[in-house]
Amino acid sequence: MKKEDKGIVISQLTETVKEYPNFYLTDIEALNAEKTSKLRRECFKQEIKLVVVKNNLLKKALENVDGDFSPLQIALKGNTAVMFSQTANAPARLIKEFTKGAKKGEIAKPELKAAYVQESFYVGAENLEALVNIKSKNELIGDVIALLQSPAKNVISALQSSGQTIHGLLKTLEER
């Protein structure tokens, strides 16, 4: 690859890393053409951008981004594909679902090498379950709204059950 071409690839990778707040480094080397196509289709459906990269070019792209990405250096060996996503846990869920059918003792592909999710680093395949369980921003907002609505619902139900009188409300509140 020519130096000019490498520069173009590095700048494209830099822009992609800046665009997506979460990315996963994976190994998809052992996947055959059929499984690779299936993985790419699933990524597209879930709005995950899958890019196969050269490790050195990704290292240089990460150097161009604000922040210290040195914890990922250990994972930049061998075959590397990057899954970029706006949703923190989407790639982890995809990897888990995709590797469900792997035979016992066989290394399931795609294999998680490392991840940068919600400004935190996760290195190693053993972190997959933790990444699957991370809640997205929308899920957290939903949980907060549900918690905020709970006391209001209790007051409304107390009013309804006590005949909607002030005396009934006071009595219900005293009981609780």
Protein backbone atom coordinates (compact mmCIF):
# COMPACT_ATOMS: atom_id res chain seq x y z
CA MET A 1 0.00 0.00 0.00
CA LYS A 2 1.33 3.41 -0.94
CA LYS A 3 2.06 6.03 1.70
CA GLU A 4 -0.69 8.31 0.31
CA ASP A 5 -3.22 5.49 0.52
CA LYS A 6 -2.21 4.77 4.12
CA GLY A 7 -2.71 8.45 4.95
CA ILE A 8 -6.23 8.35 3.50
CA VAL A 9 -7.11 5.19 5.44
CA ILE A 10 -5.73 6.68 8.67
CA SER A 11 -7.77 9.87 8.25
CA GLN A 12 -10.93 7.87 7.48
CA LEU A 13 -10.39 5.70 10.56
CA THR A 14 -9.73 8.80 12.69
CA GLU A 15 -13.02 10.36 11.58
CA THR A 16 -14.91 7.13 12.21
CA VAL A 17 -13.48 6.80 15.74
CA LYS A 18 -14.51 10.41 16.43
CA GLU A 19 -18.00 9.77 15.04
CA TYR A 20 -18.78 6.69 17.14
CA PRO A 21 -18.53 6.79 20.94
CA ASN A 22 -18.19 2.99 21.23
CA PHE A 23 -16.08 0.49 19.35
CA TYR A 24 -15.15 -3.14 19.73
CA LEU A 25 -11.97 -4.83 18.48
CA THR A 26 -12.75 -8.35 17.32
CA ASP A 27 -11.13 -11.29 15.58
CA ILE A 28 -13.16 -12.70 12.67
CA GLU A 29 -10.27 -14.50 10.97
CA ALA A 30 -11.67 -18.04 10.99
CA LEU A 31 -15.10 -17.14 9.59
CA ASN A 32 -15.86 -18.54 6.16
CA ALA A 33 -17.40 -16.38 3.42
CA GLU A 34 -20.98 -17.39 4.30
CA LYS A 35 -20.61 -16.57 8.00
CA THR A 36 -18.76 -13.34 7.23
CA SER A 37 -21.61 -12.23 4.95
CA LYS A 38 -24.14 -13.15 7.63
CA LEU A 39 -22.17 -11.14 10.22
CA ARG A 40 -22.00 -8.11 7.91
CA ARG A 41 -25.78 -8.30 7.29
CA GLU A 42 -26.49 -8.47 11.04
CA CYS A 43 -24.18 -5.52 11.66
CA PHE A 44 -25.99 -3.52 9.00
CA LYS A 45 -29.41 -4.35 10.50
CA GLN A 46 -28.27 -3.22 13.95
CA GLU A 47 -26.53 -0.07 12.68
CA ILE A 48 -23.07 -1.36 13.56
CA LYS A 49 -20.27 -0.40 11.21
CA LEU A 50 -17.89 -3.34 10.67
CA VAL A 51 -14.42 -2.49 9.31
CA VAL A 52 -11.45 -4.83 8.87
CA VAL A 53 -8.29 -2.85 9.64
CA LYS A 54 -4.54 -3.12 9.69
CA ASN A 55 -3.36 -2.84 13.29
CA ASN A 56 -0.66 -0.24 12.59
CA LEU A 57 -3.08 2.01 10.71
CA LEU A 58 -5.62 1.80 13.56
CA LYS A 59 -2.85 2.63 16.07
CA LYS A 60 -1.98 5.75 14.08
CA ALA A 61 -5.65 6.73 13.79
CA LEU A 62 -6.10 6.38 17.58
CA GLU A 63 -3.05 8.63 18.09
CA ASN A 64 -4.90 11.34 16.12
CA VAL A 65 -7.90 11.22 18.48
CA ASP A 66 -7.98 13.07 21.78
CA GLY A 67 -7.49 10.71 24.70
CA ASP A 68 -5.21 7.87 25.70
CA PHE A 69 -6.05 4.62 23.92
CA SER A 70 -2.90 2.79 25.06
CA PRO A 71 -4.88 0.09 26.96
CA LEU A 72 -6.04 -1.19 23.55
CA GLN A 73 -2.46 -1.68 22.27
CA ILE A 74 -2.30 -5.22 23.66
CA ALA A 75 -5.30 -6.25 21.55
CA LEU A 76 -3.90 -4.91 18.29
CA LYS A 77 -2.25 -8.15 17.22
CA GLY A 78 -3.28 -10.60 14.54
CA ASN A 79 -6.46 -10.15 12.54
CA THR A 80 -8.57 -7.19 13.70
CA ALA A 81 -12.05 -6.07 12.73
CA VAL A 82 -13.61 -3.05 14.41
CA MET A 83 -17.32 -2.79 15.23
CA PHE A 84 -18.36 0.87 15.59
CA SER A 85 -21.68 1.63 17.26
CA GLN A 86 -23.70 4.47 18.76
CA THR A 87 -25.32 1.99 21.19
CA ALA A 88 -22.90 0.78 23.85
CA ASN A 89 -24.01 -2.84 24.11
CA ALA A 90 -25.20 -3.56 20.55
CA PRO A 91 -21.93 -5.13 19.30
CA ALA A 92 -21.60 -7.23 22.48
CA ARG A 93 -25.14 -8.57 22.05
CA LEU A 94 -24.45 -9.30 18.39
CA ILE A 95 -21.23 -11.17 19.22
CA LYS A 96 -22.97 -13.20 21.93
CA GLU A 97 -25.89 -14.09 19.68
CA PHE A 98 -23.63 -14.88 16.72
CA THR A 99 -21.43 -17.24 18.76
CA LYS A 100 -24.26 -19.15 20.47
CA GLY A 101 -23.94 -22.14 18.14
CA ALA A 102 -20.19 -22.65 18.69
CA LYS A 103 -19.18 -26.17 19.65
CA LYS A 104 -17.70 -26.81 23.08
CA GLY A 105 -13.93 -26.29 23.13
CA GLU A 106 -14.02 -24.34 19.87
CA ILE A 107 -13.05 -20.65 19.83
CA ALA A 108 -16.21 -18.80 18.87
CA LYS A 109 -15.89 -16.14 16.18
CA PRO A 110 -16.21 -13.24 16.17
CA GLU A 111 -14.08 -13.15 19.28
CA LEU A 112 -13.91 -10.03 21.44
CA LYS A 113 -10.36 -8.75 21.79
CA ALA A 114 -11.07 -5.39 23.44
CA ALA A 115 -13.62 -2.59 23.57
CA TYR A 116 -13.86 1.12 24.22
CA VAL A 117 -17.35 1.69 25.62
CA GLN A 118 -18.71 4.71 27.47
CA GLU A 119 -15.18 6.08 27.92
CA SER A 120 -13.97 2.82 29.54
CA PHE A 121 -11.66 0.07 28.30
CA TYR A 122 -12.46 -3.63 28.35
CA VAL A 123 -9.62 -5.93 27.30
CA GLY A 124 -10.20 -9.64 26.77
CA ALA A 125 -13.03 -11.94 25.75
CA GLU A 126 -13.97 -12.51 29.41
CA ASN A 127 -15.56 -9.02 29.42
CA LEU A 128 -18.23 -9.93 26.85
CA GLU A 129 -20.94 -10.68 29.43
CA ALA A 130 -20.31 -7.39 31.27
CA LEU A 131 -20.57 -5.52 27.96
CA VAL A 132 -23.82 -7.28 27.07
CA ASN A 133 -25.32 -6.11 30.38
CA ILE A 134 -24.38 -2.44 29.98
CA LYS A 135 -27.53 -0.39 29.68
CA SER A 136 -27.88 2.05 26.82
CA LYS A 137 -28.61 5.71 27.41
CA ASN A 138 -32.27 5.21 26.42
CA GLU A 139 -32.64 2.25 28.80
CA LEU A 140 -31.21 4.32 31.67
CA ILE A 141 -33.53 7.23 30.89
CA GLY A 142 -36.48 4.81 30.90
CA ASP A 143 -35.42 3.45 34.31
CA VAL A 144 -35.13 6.96 35.77
CA ILE A 145 -38.55 7.97 34.42
CA ALA A 146 -40.11 4.81 35.87
CA LEU A 147 -38.57 5.59 39.27
CA LEU A 148 -39.83 9.17 39.15
CA GLN A 149 -43.34 8.07 38.17
CA SER A 150 -43.64 5.52 40.95
CA PRO A 151 -44.34 7.95 43.86
CA ALA A 152 -46.83 9.91 41.76
CA LYS A 153 -48.67 6.70 40.88
CA ASN A 154 -48.87 5.80 44.58
CA VAL A 155 -50.47 9.16 45.43
CA ILE A 156 -52.94 8.86 42.55
CA SER A 157 -53.94 5.33 43.53
CA ALA A 158 -54.33 6.44 47.15
CA LEU A 159 -56.65 9.24 46.04
CA GLN A 160 -58.69 6.87 43.91
CA SER A 161 -59.00 4.20 46.58
CA SER A 162 -59.98 6.61 49.34
CA GLY A 163 -62.88 8.20 47.52
CA GLN A 164 -60.89 11.29 46.49
CA THR A 165 -61.38 13.14 49.75
CA ILE A 166 -58.76 15.14 51.63
CA HIS A 167 -59.59 13.17 54.77
CA GLY A 168 -59.09 9.91 52.88
CA LEU A 169 -55.77 11.11 51.45
CA LEU A 170 -54.49 12.12 54.88
CA LYS A 171 -55.59 8.80 56.33
CA THR A 172 -53.82 6.89 53.55
CA LEU A 173 -50.64 8.92 53.94
CA GLU A 174 -50.65 8.36 57.70
CA GLU A 175 -50.98 4.60 57.14
CA ARG A 176 -48.02 4.54 54.78
